[in-house]
Amino acid sequence: MNKKEGRSGLSLIEIVLSMGILSLIMLPVFMTFSSGNVNIQVTESEFRAHTAALELMEQIVSLPFNLIKPGNYDSSQVVDGSQLANGPVLFKITPVDDLKPSLKIEEIKRDNKVVFKKITVKIGFPSARAADKTREFTLKTLVANESR
């Protein structure tokens, strides 16, 4: 057999070793992209829940004080909206399948007169990290009785 001097090229072992080193270097980069994708999904879900809570809160707060009816309202009652006020009020929440709104309205009294109504809006939304878990976004405010 003839052995040629000054032969150039890479052996199979050199190629395999270089691919292994390259994969070790690229592993953190790929992990960053995959975790970034999950974080984008979390942010999007939280944003939709936050927007739904603000929408509900603004519509409740815009009602006259005496029309805000105290009580606990589940998801179906919140989306319908007809039971939330003591009068003919047009009220509508955008229904979203994976968001579960709930609402709690409490009266705060002083000297047997209602001075505030405490409004708590909770929006349940699915967790992007675990599909079987639900997270919650809560928004609270007080509405003052200005007619006192």
N, C-alpha and C. Protein backbone atom coordinates (compact mmCIF):
# COMPACT_ATOMS: atom_id res chain seq x y z
N MET A 1 0.82 -1.17 0.00
CA MET A 1 0.00 0.00 0.00
C MET A 1 0.87 1.23 0.00
N ASN A 2 0.39 2.16 -0.71
CA ASN A 2 1.11 3.43 -0.76
C ASN A 2 0.52 4.41 0.24
N LYS A 3 1.38 4.97 1.05
CA LYS A 3 0.96 6.03 1.97
C LYS A 3 1.40 7.34 1.36
N LYS A 4 0.42 8.23 1.23
CA LYS A 4 0.75 9.53 0.64
C LYS A 4 1.10 10.48 1.76
N GLU A 5 2.19 11.14 1.59
CA GLU A 5 2.63 12.15 2.54
C GLU A 5 1.90 13.46 2.25
N GLY A 6 1.60 14.23 3.33
CA GLY A 6 0.96 15.54 3.16
C GLY A 6 -0.52 15.43 2.79
N ARG A 7 -1.12 14.38 3.22
CA ARG A 7 -2.54 14.16 2.92
C ARG A 7 -3.39 15.09 3.78
N SER A 8 -4.37 15.77 3.16
CA SER A 8 -5.22 16.66 3.94
C SER A 8 -6.63 16.09 4.00
N GLY A 9 -7.36 16.43 5.12
CA GLY A 9 -8.72 15.93 5.30
C GLY A 9 -8.97 15.63 6.76
N LEU A 10 -10.18 15.32 7.08
CA LEU A 10 -10.56 15.04 8.45
C LEU A 10 -10.95 13.57 8.58
N SER A 11 -10.58 13.01 9.70
CA SER A 11 -10.99 11.63 9.94
C SER A 11 -12.40 11.63 10.55
N LEU A 12 -13.03 10.49 10.58
CA LEU A 12 -14.38 10.36 11.13
C LEU A 12 -14.40 10.70 12.62
N ILE A 13 -13.35 10.34 13.34
CA ILE A 13 -13.28 10.63 14.77
C ILE A 13 -13.22 12.14 15.00
N GLU A 14 -12.48 12.86 14.20
CA GLU A 14 -12.41 14.31 14.33
C GLU A 14 -13.77 14.97 14.06
N ILE A 15 -14.48 14.47 13.08
CA ILE A 15 -15.79 15.02 12.76
C ILE A 15 -16.77 14.75 13.90
N VAL A 16 -16.77 13.55 14.45
CA VAL A 16 -17.67 13.20 15.54
C VAL A 16 -17.36 14.05 16.77
N LEU A 17 -16.09 14.22 17.10
CA LEU A 17 -15.72 15.04 18.25
C LEU A 17 -16.13 16.51 18.06
N SER A 18 -15.93 17.03 16.88
CA SER A 18 -16.32 18.43 16.64
C SER A 18 -17.83 18.60 16.70
N MET A 19 -18.59 17.63 16.22
CA MET A 19 -20.06 17.70 16.32
C MET A 19 -20.50 17.65 17.78
N GLY A 20 -19.83 16.84 18.60
CA GLY A 20 -20.16 16.76 20.02
C GLY A 20 -19.89 18.07 20.73
N ILE A 21 -18.77 18.68 20.45
CA ILE A 21 -18.43 19.97 21.05
C ILE A 21 -19.42 21.04 20.60
N LEU A 22 -19.77 21.04 19.32
CA LEU A 22 -20.74 22.01 18.81
C LEU A 22 -22.11 21.83 19.47
N SER A 23 -22.53 20.58 19.67
CA SER A 23 -23.83 20.35 20.31
C SER A 23 -23.82 20.80 21.77
N LEU A 24 -22.71 20.64 22.48
CA LEU A 24 -22.61 21.14 23.85
C LEU A 24 -22.67 22.66 23.91
N ILE A 25 -22.10 23.30 22.92
CA ILE A 25 -22.13 24.76 22.87
C ILE A 25 -23.54 25.26 22.52
N MET A 26 -24.24 24.57 21.63
CA MET A 26 -25.55 25.00 21.16
C MET A 26 -26.69 24.65 22.12
N LEU A 27 -26.49 23.72 23.04
CA LEU A 27 -27.54 23.30 23.96
C LEU A 27 -28.11 24.46 24.77
N PRO A 28 -27.30 25.32 25.40
CA PRO A 28 -27.89 26.46 26.13
C PRO A 28 -28.67 27.42 25.22
N VAL A 29 -28.23 27.56 23.98
CA VAL A 29 -28.94 28.45 23.06
C VAL A 29 -30.33 27.90 22.77
N PHE A 30 -30.43 26.61 22.50
CA PHE A 30 -31.74 26.00 22.24
C PHE A 30 -32.63 26.04 23.47
N MET A 31 -32.07 25.86 24.66
CA MET A 31 -32.85 25.91 25.89
C MET A 31 -33.40 27.32 26.11
N THR A 32 -32.62 28.33 25.75
CA THR A 32 -33.08 29.71 25.88
C THR A 32 -34.28 29.97 24.97
N PHE A 33 -34.22 29.48 23.75
CA PHE A 33 -35.34 29.67 22.83
C PHE A 33 -36.59 28.95 23.31
N SER A 34 -36.45 27.74 23.82
CA SER A 34 -37.64 26.99 24.25
C SER A 34 -38.26 27.62 25.50
N SER A 35 -37.45 28.09 26.44
CA SER A 35 -38.02 28.75 27.62
C SER A 35 -38.59 30.10 27.25
N GLY A 36 -38.03 30.76 26.28
CA GLY A 36 -38.59 32.04 25.81
C GLY A 36 -39.97 31.86 25.22
N ASN A 37 -40.18 30.76 24.51
CA ASN A 37 -41.48 30.47 23.93
C ASN A 37 -42.53 30.26 25.03
N VAL A 38 -42.19 29.54 26.09
CA VAL A 38 -43.10 29.33 27.21
C VAL A 38 -43.41 30.66 27.89
N ASN A 39 -42.40 31.51 28.06
CA ASN A 39 -42.63 32.81 28.69
C ASN A 39 -43.55 33.69 27.85
N ILE A 40 -43.45 33.60 26.54
CA ILE A 40 -44.35 34.35 25.67
C ILE A 40 -45.78 33.86 25.86
N GLN A 41 -45.97 32.55 25.97
CA GLN A 41 -47.31 32.00 26.18
C GLN A 41 -47.87 32.45 27.53
N VAL A 42 -47.05 32.46 28.57
CA VAL A 42 -47.49 32.91 29.89
C VAL A 42 -47.89 34.38 29.83
N THR A 43 -47.08 35.19 29.19
CA THR A 43 -47.36 36.61 29.09
C THR A 43 -48.66 36.85 28.34
N GLU A 44 -48.90 36.11 27.28
CA GLU A 44 -50.13 36.28 26.50
C GLU A 44 -51.36 35.90 27.33
N SER A 45 -51.29 34.82 28.07
CA SER A 45 -52.41 34.40 28.92
C SER A 45 -52.67 35.41 30.02
N GLU A 46 -51.62 35.89 30.65
CA GLU A 46 -51.77 36.88 31.71
C GLU A 46 -52.34 38.19 31.16
N PHE A 47 -51.92 38.56 29.96
CA PHE A 47 -52.42 39.78 29.34
C PHE A 47 -53.91 39.68 29.06
N ARG A 48 -54.36 38.54 28.52
CA ARG A 48 -55.78 38.36 28.25
C ARG A 48 -56.60 38.39 29.54
N ALA A 49 -56.07 37.75 30.61
CA ALA A 49 -56.77 37.76 31.90
C ALA A 49 -56.83 39.17 32.47
N HIS A 50 -55.73 39.90 32.38
CA HIS A 50 -55.67 41.28 32.88
C HIS A 50 -56.67 42.17 32.12
N THR A 51 -56.72 42.02 30.81
CA THR A 51 -57.64 42.80 30.00
C THR A 51 -59.09 42.49 30.34
N ALA A 52 -59.40 41.20 30.53
CA ALA A 52 -60.77 40.81 30.90
C ALA A 52 -61.15 41.36 32.27
N ALA A 53 -60.21 41.34 33.21
CA ALA A 53 -60.48 41.89 34.55
C ALA A 53 -60.73 43.40 34.49
N LEU A 54 -59.93 44.10 33.71
CA LEU A 54 -60.13 45.54 33.57
C LEU A 54 -61.47 45.86 32.90
N GLU A 55 -61.82 45.08 31.88
CA GLU A 55 -63.10 45.28 31.19
C GLU A 55 -64.27 45.13 32.16
N LEU A 56 -64.22 44.08 32.96
CA LEU A 56 -65.28 43.84 33.94
C LEU A 56 -65.30 44.92 35.01
N MET A 57 -64.14 45.27 35.53
CA MET A 57 -64.06 46.27 36.58
C MET A 57 -64.56 47.63 36.10
N GLU A 58 -64.19 48.04 34.91
CA GLU A 58 -64.61 49.34 34.39
C GLU A 58 -66.12 49.40 34.22
N GLN A 59 -66.72 48.30 33.78
CA GLN A 59 -68.17 48.32 33.58
C GLN A 59 -68.91 48.36 34.92
N ILE A 60 -68.39 47.68 35.93
CA ILE A 60 -69.02 47.70 37.25
C ILE A 60 -68.87 49.09 37.87
N VAL A 61 -67.68 49.65 37.82
CA VAL A 61 -67.41 50.95 38.45
C VAL A 61 -68.18 52.07 37.76
N SER A 62 -68.49 51.91 36.48
CA SER A 62 -69.21 52.96 35.76
C SER A 62 -70.69 53.02 36.12
N LEU A 63 -71.20 51.99 36.80
CA LEU A 63 -72.60 51.99 37.21
C LEU A 63 -72.81 52.98 38.36
N PRO A 64 -74.02 53.54 38.46
CA PRO A 64 -74.33 54.35 39.64
C PRO A 64 -74.23 53.49 40.91
N PHE A 65 -73.80 54.10 42.00
CA PHE A 65 -73.52 53.38 43.24
C PHE A 65 -74.71 52.53 43.70
N ASN A 66 -75.92 53.09 43.64
CA ASN A 66 -77.08 52.36 44.15
C ASN A 66 -77.49 51.19 43.25
N LEU A 67 -76.98 51.11 42.03
CA LEU A 67 -77.31 50.00 41.14
C LEU A 67 -76.34 48.84 41.24
N ILE A 68 -75.23 49.00 41.94
CA ILE A 68 -74.26 47.91 42.10
C ILE A 68 -74.78 46.97 43.19
N LYS A 69 -75.14 45.78 42.78
CA LYS A 69 -75.79 44.82 43.68
C LYS A 69 -74.74 43.94 44.35
N PRO A 70 -74.69 43.91 45.69
CA PRO A 70 -73.71 43.07 46.38
C PRO A 70 -74.02 41.58 46.17
N GLY A 71 -72.95 40.77 46.21
CA GLY A 71 -73.11 39.33 46.09
C GLY A 71 -71.91 38.69 45.45
N ASN A 72 -71.99 37.37 45.30
CA ASN A 72 -70.96 36.59 44.61
C ASN A 72 -71.53 36.13 43.28
N TYR A 73 -70.77 36.33 42.23
CA TYR A 73 -71.24 35.99 40.89
C TYR A 73 -70.22 35.06 40.24
N ASP A 74 -70.73 33.94 39.71
CA ASP A 74 -69.84 32.98 39.06
C ASP A 74 -69.66 33.35 37.58
N SER A 75 -68.99 32.49 36.87
CA SER A 75 -68.61 32.76 35.49
C SER A 75 -69.82 33.01 34.59
N SER A 76 -70.85 32.18 34.69
CA SER A 76 -72.01 32.35 33.81
C SER A 76 -72.77 33.63 34.14
N GLN A 77 -72.86 34.00 35.41
CA GLN A 77 -73.56 35.22 35.80
C GLN A 77 -72.80 36.47 35.37
N VAL A 78 -71.48 36.39 35.39
CA VAL A 78 -70.67 37.54 34.99
C VAL A 78 -70.79 37.78 33.49
N VAL A 79 -70.75 36.72 32.70
CA VAL A 79 -70.83 36.88 31.25
C VAL A 79 -72.21 37.39 30.85
N ASP A 80 -73.25 36.93 31.51
CA ASP A 80 -74.61 37.40 31.22
C ASP A 80 -74.77 38.85 31.67
N GLY A 81 -74.41 39.14 32.91
CA GLY A 81 -74.40 40.51 33.40
C GLY A 81 -75.72 41.06 33.86
N SER A 82 -76.84 40.38 33.60
CA SER A 82 -78.14 40.94 33.96
C SER A 82 -78.39 40.94 35.47
N GLN A 83 -77.72 40.08 36.22
CA GLN A 83 -77.95 39.99 37.66
C GLN A 83 -77.04 40.92 38.47
N LEU A 84 -76.14 41.62 37.82
CA LEU A 84 -75.16 42.42 38.56
C LEU A 84 -75.68 43.79 38.99
N ALA A 85 -76.78 44.23 38.44
CA ALA A 85 -77.27 45.58 38.77
C ALA A 85 -78.74 45.51 39.16
N ASN A 86 -79.14 46.43 40.02
CA ASN A 86 -80.53 46.51 40.47
C ASN A 86 -81.34 47.41 39.54
N GLY A 87 -81.28 47.20 38.28
CA GLY A 87 -82.02 48.05 37.37
C GLY A 87 -81.70 47.70 35.93
N PRO A 88 -82.30 48.40 35.01
CA PRO A 88 -82.10 48.11 33.58
C PRO A 88 -80.77 48.69 33.09
N VAL A 89 -79.72 47.91 33.22
CA VAL A 89 -78.39 48.36 32.82
C VAL A 89 -77.89 47.45 31.71
N LEU A 90 -77.43 48.06 30.63
CA LEU A 90 -76.81 47.27 29.57
C LEU A 90 -75.40 46.91 30.03
N PHE A 91 -75.12 45.64 30.05
CA PHE A 91 -73.85 45.19 30.61
C PHE A 91 -73.43 43.94 29.88
N LYS A 92 -72.23 43.91 29.34
CA LYS A 92 -71.80 42.75 28.58
C LYS A 92 -70.30 42.57 28.73
N ILE A 93 -69.89 41.34 29.01
CA ILE A 93 -68.49 40.97 29.09
C ILE A 93 -68.19 40.07 27.89
N THR A 94 -67.07 40.30 27.26
CA THR A 94 -66.67 39.47 26.13
C THR A 94 -66.43 38.05 26.61
N PRO A 95 -67.21 37.08 26.12
CA PRO A 95 -67.00 35.70 26.56
C PRO A 95 -65.76 35.09 25.90
N VAL A 96 -64.91 34.51 26.70
CA VAL A 96 -63.73 33.81 26.21
C VAL A 96 -63.75 32.42 26.84
N ASP A 97 -63.58 31.40 26.03
CA ASP A 97 -63.76 30.03 26.50
C ASP A 97 -62.83 29.64 27.65
N ASP A 98 -61.57 30.02 27.58
CA ASP A 98 -60.62 29.54 28.59
C ASP A 98 -60.46 30.49 29.78
N LEU A 99 -61.15 31.63 29.79
CA LEU A 99 -61.11 32.55 30.93
C LEU A 99 -62.36 32.36 31.76
N LYS A 100 -62.20 32.23 33.07
CA LYS A 100 -63.32 32.03 33.99
C LYS A 100 -63.41 33.21 34.95
N PRO A 101 -64.25 34.20 34.62
CA PRO A 101 -64.36 35.36 35.52
C PRO A 101 -65.27 35.06 36.71
N SER A 102 -64.96 35.66 37.83
CA SER A 102 -65.85 35.65 38.99
C SER A 102 -65.78 37.02 39.63
N LEU A 103 -66.83 37.34 40.37
CA LEU A 103 -66.96 38.68 40.90
C LEU A 103 -67.55 38.60 42.30
N LYS A 104 -67.01 39.42 43.19
CA LYS A 104 -67.53 39.51 44.55
C LYS A 104 -67.69 40.99 44.87
N ILE A 105 -68.91 41.36 45.28
CA ILE A 105 -69.20 42.74 45.65
C ILE A 105 -69.68 42.73 47.09
N GLU A 106 -68.98 43.50 47.94
CA GLU A 106 -69.32 43.58 49.36
C GLU A 106 -69.61 45.03 49.72
N GLU A 107 -70.53 45.20 50.67
CA GLU A 107 -70.84 46.53 51.17
C GLU A 107 -70.03 46.80 52.43
N ILE A 108 -69.48 48.00 52.53
CA ILE A 108 -68.77 48.43 53.73
C ILE A 108 -69.61 49.54 54.35
N LYS A 109 -70.06 49.28 55.58
CA LYS A 109 -70.98 50.21 56.24
C LYS A 109 -70.29 50.97 57.37
N ARG A 110 -70.78 52.18 57.60
CA ARG A 110 -70.36 52.99 58.73
C ARG A 110 -71.63 53.68 59.24
N ASP A 111 -71.91 53.53 60.52
CA ASP A 111 -73.14 54.08 61.13
C ASP A 111 -74.39 53.59 60.39
N ASN A 112 -74.41 52.30 60.06
CA ASN A 112 -75.51 51.64 59.36
C ASN A 112 -75.83 52.24 57.99
N LYS A 113 -74.87 52.90 57.38
CA LYS A 113 -75.02 53.42 56.02
C LYS A 113 -73.90 52.85 55.17
N VAL A 114 -74.24 52.47 53.97
CA VAL A 114 -73.24 51.93 53.05
C VAL A 114 -72.40 53.09 52.53
N VAL A 115 -71.08 53.04 52.84
CA VAL A 115 -70.19 54.11 52.39
C VAL A 115 -69.30 53.67 51.23
N PHE A 116 -69.01 52.38 51.16
CA PHE A 116 -68.19 51.84 50.08
C PHE A 116 -68.76 50.51 49.62
N LYS A 117 -68.42 50.17 48.40
CA LYS A 117 -68.64 48.82 47.90
C LYS A 117 -67.29 48.32 47.43
N LYS A 118 -66.88 47.19 48.01
CA LYS A 118 -65.59 46.58 47.66
C LYS A 118 -65.84 45.59 46.53
N ILE A 119 -65.16 45.81 45.42
CA ILE A 119 -65.34 44.97 44.25
C ILE A 119 -64.07 44.17 44.02
N THR A 120 -64.22 42.85 43.96
CA THR A 120 -63.09 41.95 43.70
C THR A 120 -63.40 41.16 42.44
N VAL A 121 -62.57 41.32 41.43
CA VAL A 121 -62.70 40.59 40.17
C VAL A 121 -61.58 39.56 40.11
N LYS A 122 -61.94 38.31 39.86
CA LYS A 122 -60.95 37.25 39.69
C LYS A 122 -61.16 36.62 38.32
N ILE A 123 -60.07 36.45 37.60
CA ILE A 123 -60.12 35.81 36.30
C ILE A 123 -59.22 34.57 36.36
N GLY A 124 -59.81 33.42 36.20
CA GLY A 124 -59.04 32.18 36.14
C GLY A 124 -58.65 31.91 34.71
N PHE A 125 -57.41 31.50 34.51
CA PHE A 125 -56.94 31.20 33.15
C PHE A 125 -55.99 30.01 33.21
N PRO A 126 -55.92 29.24 32.12
CA PRO A 126 -55.07 28.05 32.13
C PRO A 126 -53.59 28.42 32.15
N SER A 127 -52.83 27.64 32.87
CA SER A 127 -51.39 27.84 32.95
C SER A 127 -50.75 27.34 31.67
N ALA A 128 -49.82 28.10 31.13
CA ALA A 128 -49.13 27.68 29.91
C ALA A 128 -48.13 26.57 30.18
N ARG A 129 -47.66 26.49 31.41
CA ARG A 129 -46.66 25.48 31.75
C ARG A 129 -47.28 24.12 32.03
N ALA A 130 -48.48 24.11 32.57
CA ALA A 130 -49.17 22.85 32.86
C ALA A 130 -50.63 23.03 32.48
N ALA A 131 -51.07 22.31 31.47
CA ALA A 131 -52.40 22.50 30.91
C ALA A 131 -53.51 22.16 31.91
N ASP A 132 -53.22 21.33 32.90
CA ASP A 132 -54.25 20.93 33.84
C ASP A 132 -54.38 21.88 35.02
N LYS A 133 -53.53 22.88 35.12
CA LYS A 133 -53.57 23.83 36.23
C LYS A 133 -54.18 25.15 35.78
N THR A 134 -54.82 25.83 36.73
CA THR A 134 -55.41 27.14 36.47
C THR A 134 -54.75 28.17 37.35
N ARG A 135 -54.41 29.31 36.75
CA ARG A 135 -53.87 30.43 37.50
C ARG A 135 -54.97 31.47 37.65
N GLU A 136 -54.74 32.46 38.49
CA GLU A 136 -55.75 33.45 38.76
C GLU A 136 -55.16 34.85 38.78
N PHE A 137 -55.89 35.77 38.20
CA PHE A 137 -55.53 37.19 38.24
C PHE A 137 -56.62 37.90 39.03
N THR A 138 -56.25 38.68 40.03
CA THR A 138 -57.22 39.35 40.90
C THR A 138 -57.04 40.86 40.82
N LEU A 139 -58.17 41.56 40.74
CA LEU A 139 -58.18 43.02 40.69
C LEU A 139 -59.23 43.49 41.70
N LYS A 140 -58.85 44.44 42.58
CA LYS A 140 -59.75 44.92 43.62
C LYS A 140 -59.84 46.44 43.57
N THR A 141 -61.01 46.95 43.97
CA THR A 141 -61.18 48.39 44.08
C THR A 141 -62.33 48.69 45.04
N LEU A 142 -62.40 49.94 45.46
CA LEU A 142 -63.51 50.43 46.28
C LEU A 142 -64.25 51.49 45.49
N VAL A 143 -65.58 51.45 45.59
CA VAL A 143 -66.42 52.47 44.99
C VAL A 143 -67.08 53.23 46.13
N ALA A 144 -66.94 54.54 46.13
CA ALA A 144 -67.46 55.36 47.23
C ALA A 144 -68.89 55.81 46.95
N ASN A 145 -69.67 55.89 48.01
CA ASN A 145 -71.03 56.42 47.94
C ASN A 145 -70.93 57.93 48.04
N GLU A 146 -71.05 58.60 46.92
CA GLU A 146 -70.89 60.04 46.88
C GLU A 146 -72.18 60.80 47.20
N SER A 147 -73.27 60.07 47.34
CA SER A 147 -74.56 60.73 47.60
C SER A 147 -74.81 60.93 49.09
N ARG A 148 -73.90 60.54 49.91
CA ARG A 148 -74.02 60.59 51.36
C ARG A 148 -73.85 61.95 51.92
